[in-house]
């Protein structure tokens, strides 16, 4: 059975635990009008990432950005492009590996603490 289609709201908050070469650690992310407006590092790794990465709007993605990355990996026929979903259809875990024979191209994103903004 496939997950229901999730429509990303314009504003929400979530916790991202990321294990990628560039984005490592646990972040509390606030999204408004479809853009990340705040990312707070919740551990030493994530605080270092936020301090060391240049100021870029895409340094910590929205959930929609993660879904786009998953779809890109599927279109490019990555060796692994898997997701687990909540009952409402939003992803709770995304696992990517473009080439199983390459080193350091794997990525895992765990999405939790999702809270839509009050209307």
C-alpha atoms as a PDB file:
ATOM      1  CA  UNK A   1       0.000   0.000   0.000  1.00  0.00           C
ATOM      2  CA  UNK A   2       1.410   3.395  -0.921  1.00  0.00           C
ATOM      3  CA  UNK A   3       1.428   6.392   1.382  1.00  0.00           C
ATOM      4  CA  UNK A   4      -1.164   9.125   0.854  1.00  0.00           C
ATOM      5  CA  UNK A   5       0.073  12.165  -1.026  1.00  0.00           C
ATOM      6  CA  UNK A   6       1.253  14.786   1.448  1.00  0.00           C
ATOM      7  CA  UNK A   7       0.824  18.446   0.600  1.00  0.00           C
ATOM      8  CA  UNK A   8       3.548  20.492   2.236  1.00  0.00           C
ATOM      9  CA  UNK A   9       2.067  23.402   4.189  1.00  0.00           C
ATOM     10  CA  UNK A  10       3.638  26.822   3.841  1.00  0.00           C
ATOM     11  CA  UNK A  11       4.592  27.048   7.509  1.00  0.00           C
ATOM     12  CA  UNK A  12       5.636  24.367   9.980  1.00  0.00           C
ATOM     13  CA  UNK A  13       8.454  23.212  12.244  1.00  0.00           C
ATOM     14  CA  UNK A  14      10.252  19.889  12.359  1.00  0.00           C
ATOM     15  CA  UNK A  15      13.350  18.151  13.664  1.00  0.00           C
ATOM     16  CA  UNK A  16      15.843  16.812  11.141  1.00  0.00           C
ATOM     17  CA  UNK A  17      18.506  14.291  12.037  1.00  0.00           C
ATOM     18  CA  UNK A  18      20.828  14.137   9.078  1.00  0.00           C
ATOM     19  CA  UNK A  19      23.731  11.841   8.297  1.00  0.00           C
ATOM     20  CA  UNK A  20      25.356  13.116   5.116  1.00  0.00           C
ATOM     21  CA  UNK A  21      28.865  14.203   4.278  1.00  0.00           C
ATOM     22  CA  UNK A  22      27.891  17.894   4.355  1.00  0.00           C
ATOM     23  CA  UNK A  23      24.883  18.083   6.679  1.00  0.00           C
ATOM     24  CA  UNK A  24      25.486  16.115   9.874  1.00  0.00           C
ATOM     25  CA  UNK A  25      23.592  16.380  13.148  1.00  0.00           C
ATOM     26  CA  UNK A  26      20.181  17.182  14.573  1.00  0.00           C
ATOM     27  CA  UNK A  27      18.441  20.453  13.717  1.00  0.00           C
ATOM     28  CA  UNK A  28      15.190  22.123  14.760  1.00  0.00           C
ATOM     29  CA  UNK A  29      13.887  23.735  11.579  1.00  0.00           C
ATOM     30  CA  UNK A  30      11.222  26.437  11.209  1.00  0.00           C
ATOM     31  CA  UNK A  31       9.640  26.997   7.794  1.00  0.00           C
ATOM     32  CA  UNK A  32       7.505  30.016   6.875  1.00  0.00           C
ATOM     33  CA  UNK A  33       6.003  30.674   3.466  1.00  0.00           C
ATOM     34  CA  UNK A  34       7.855  27.644   2.105  1.00  0.00           C
ATOM     35  CA  UNK A  35      11.317  28.852   3.175  1.00  0.00           C
ATOM     36  CA  UNK A  36      13.548  27.869   6.091  1.00  0.00           C
ATOM     37  CA  UNK A  37      13.617  30.919   8.357  1.00  0.00           C
ATOM     38  CA  UNK A  38      15.428  29.337  11.292  1.00  0.00           C
ATOM     39  CA  UNK A  39      17.614  26.300  11.856  1.00  0.00           C
ATOM     40  CA  UNK A  40      18.909  25.611  15.353  1.00  0.00           C
ATOM     41  CA  UNK A  41      21.629  23.060  15.996  1.00  0.00           C
ATOM     42  CA  UNK A  42      20.617  20.646  18.740  1.00  0.00           C
ATOM     43  CA  UNK A  43      23.985  18.912  19.075  1.00  0.00           C
ATOM     44  CA  UNK A  44      27.667  19.737  18.587  1.00  0.00           C
ATOM     45  CA  UNK A  45      27.738  18.428  15.005  1.00  0.00           C
ATOM     46  CA  UNK A  46      24.758  20.483  13.846  1.00  0.00           C
ATOM     47  CA  UNK A  47      25.998  23.626  15.590  1.00  0.00           C
ATOM     48  CA  UNK A  48      29.343  23.229  13.808  1.00  0.00           C
ATOM     49  CA  UNK A  49      27.562  22.766  10.447  1.00  0.00           C
ATOM     50  CA  UNK A  50      25.558  25.949  10.975  1.00  0.00           C
ATOM     51  CA  UNK A  51      28.658  27.864  12.003  1.00  0.00           C
ATOM     52  CA  UNK A  52      30.933  26.549   9.233  1.00  0.00           C
ATOM     53  CA  UNK A  53      28.625  26.497   6.211  1.00  0.00           C
ATOM     54  CA  UNK A  54      28.320  29.747   4.327  1.00  0.00           C
ATOM     55  CA  UNK A  55      25.023  31.544   4.792  1.00  0.00           C
ATOM     56  CA  UNK A  56      22.866  29.771   2.207  1.00  0.00           C
ATOM     57  CA  UNK A  57      19.102  29.373   2.282  1.00  0.00           C
ATOM     58  CA  UNK A  58      19.361  25.716   1.262  1.00  0.00           C
ATOM     59  CA  UNK A  59      21.902  24.596   3.862  1.00  0.00           C
ATOM     60  CA  UNK A  60      19.102  22.967   5.897  1.00  0.00           C
ATOM     61  CA  UNK A  61      16.231  21.825   3.674  1.00  0.00           C
ATOM     62  CA  UNK A  62      12.485  21.996   4.036  1.00  0.00           C
ATOM     63  CA  UNK A  63      10.655  18.662   4.087  1.00  0.00           C
ATOM     64  CA  UNK A  64       9.574  19.457   0.532  1.00  0.00           C
ATOM     65  CA  UNK A  65      13.230  19.910  -0.396  1.00  0.00           C
ATOM     66  CA  UNK A  66      13.991  16.465   0.996  1.00  0.00           C
ATOM     67  CA  UNK A  67      11.106  14.987  -1.019  1.00  0.00           C
ATOM     68  CA  UNK A  68      12.525  16.655  -4.154  1.00  0.00           C
ATOM     69  CA  UNK A  69      15.938  15.144  -3.390  1.00  0.00           C
ATOM     70  CA  UNK A  70      14.305  11.709  -3.060  1.00  0.00           C
ATOM     71  CA  UNK A  71      12.512  12.145  -6.390  1.00  0.00           C
ATOM     72  CA  UNK A  72      15.744  13.307  -8.052  1.00  0.00           C
ATOM     73  CA  UNK A  73      17.542  10.211  -6.749  1.00  0.00           C
ATOM     74  CA  UNK A  74      14.760   7.996  -8.130  1.00  0.00           C
ATOM     75  CA  UNK A  75      14.848   9.736 -11.521  1.00  0.00           C
ATOM     76  CA  UNK A  76      18.626   9.338 -11.647  1.00  0.00           C
ATOM     77  CA  UNK A  77      18.220   5.647 -10.779  1.00  0.00           C
ATOM     78  CA  UNK A  78      20.188   5.825  -7.538  1.00  0.00           C
ATOM     79  CA  UNK A  79      21.039   2.425  -6.090  1.00  0.00           C
ATOM     80  CA  UNK A  80      18.999   3.319  -2.992  1.00  0.00           C
ATOM     81  CA  UNK A  81      16.177   5.866  -2.850  1.00  0.00           C
ATOM     82  CA  UNK A  82      13.813   4.776  -0.096  1.00  0.00           C
ATOM     83  CA  UNK A  83      11.404   6.488   2.252  1.00  0.00           C
ATOM     84  CA  UNK A  84       9.218   5.654   5.219  1.00  0.00           C
ATOM     85  CA  UNK A  85       6.027   7.642   5.697  1.00  0.00           C
ATOM     86  CA  UNK A  86       3.711   8.811   8.467  1.00  0.00           C
ATOM     87  CA  UNK A  87      -0.007   8.059   8.188  1.00  0.00           C
ATOM     88  CA  UNK A  88      -0.597  11.509   6.629  1.00  0.00           C
ATOM     89  CA  UNK A  89       1.903  10.802   3.824  1.00  0.00           C
ATOM     90  CA  UNK A  90       4.806  12.985   4.933  1.00  0.00           C
ATOM     91  CA  UNK A  91       8.176  11.261   4.982  1.00  0.00           C
ATOM     92  CA  UNK A  92       9.677  10.261   8.322  1.00  0.00           C
ATOM     93  CA  UNK A  93      12.896   8.747   6.960  1.00  0.00           C
ATOM     94  CA  UNK A  94      14.668   9.096   3.619  1.00  0.00           C
ATOM     95  CA  UNK A  95      17.648   6.918   2.725  1.00  0.00           C
ATOM     96  CA  UNK A  96      19.735   7.627  -0.380  1.00  0.00           C
ATOM     97  CA  UNK A  97      22.788   6.054  -1.975  1.00  0.00           C
ATOM     98  CA  UNK A  98      23.478   7.125  -5.533  1.00  0.00           C
ATOM     99  CA  UNK A  99      26.156   4.491  -6.160  1.00  0.00           C
ATOM    100  CA  UNK A 100      26.622   1.571  -3.793  1.00  0.00           C
ATOM    101  CA  UNK A 101      30.257   1.276  -4.945  1.00  0.00           C
ATOM    102  CA  UNK A 102      31.093   4.923  -4.187  1.00  0.00           C
ATOM    103  CA  UNK A 103      32.276   6.144  -0.817  1.00  0.00           C
ATOM    104  CA  UNK A 104      30.564   9.034   1.009  1.00  0.00           C
ATOM    105  CA  UNK A 105      27.559   9.499  -1.276  1.00  0.00           C
ATOM    106  CA  UNK A 106      25.088   7.959   1.176  1.00  0.00           C
ATOM    107  CA  UNK A 107      22.562  10.110   3.008  1.00  0.00           C
ATOM    108  CA  UNK A 108      19.980   9.441   5.666  1.00  0.00           C
ATOM    109  CA  UNK A 109      17.407  11.947   6.868  1.00  0.00           C
ATOM    110  CA  UNK A 110      15.130  11.281   9.834  1.00  0.00           C
ATOM    111  CA  UNK A 111      12.206  13.683  10.066  1.00  0.00           C
ATOM    112  CA  UNK A 112      10.437  14.011  13.408  1.00  0.00           C
ATOM    113  CA  UNK A 113       8.730  16.473  15.697  1.00  0.00           C
ATOM    114  CA  UNK A 114       6.606  17.724  12.810  1.00  0.00           C
ATOM    115  CA  UNK A 115       4.277  20.535  13.841  1.00  0.00           C
ATOM    116  CA  UNK A 116       2.211  22.543  11.333  1.00  0.00           C
ATOM    117  CA  UNK A 117       1.927  26.234  12.181  1.00  0.00           C
ATOM    118  CA  UNK A 118      -1.296  27.368  13.797  1.00  0.00           C
ATOM    119  CA  UNK A 119      -3.608  29.024  11.328  1.00  0.00           C
END
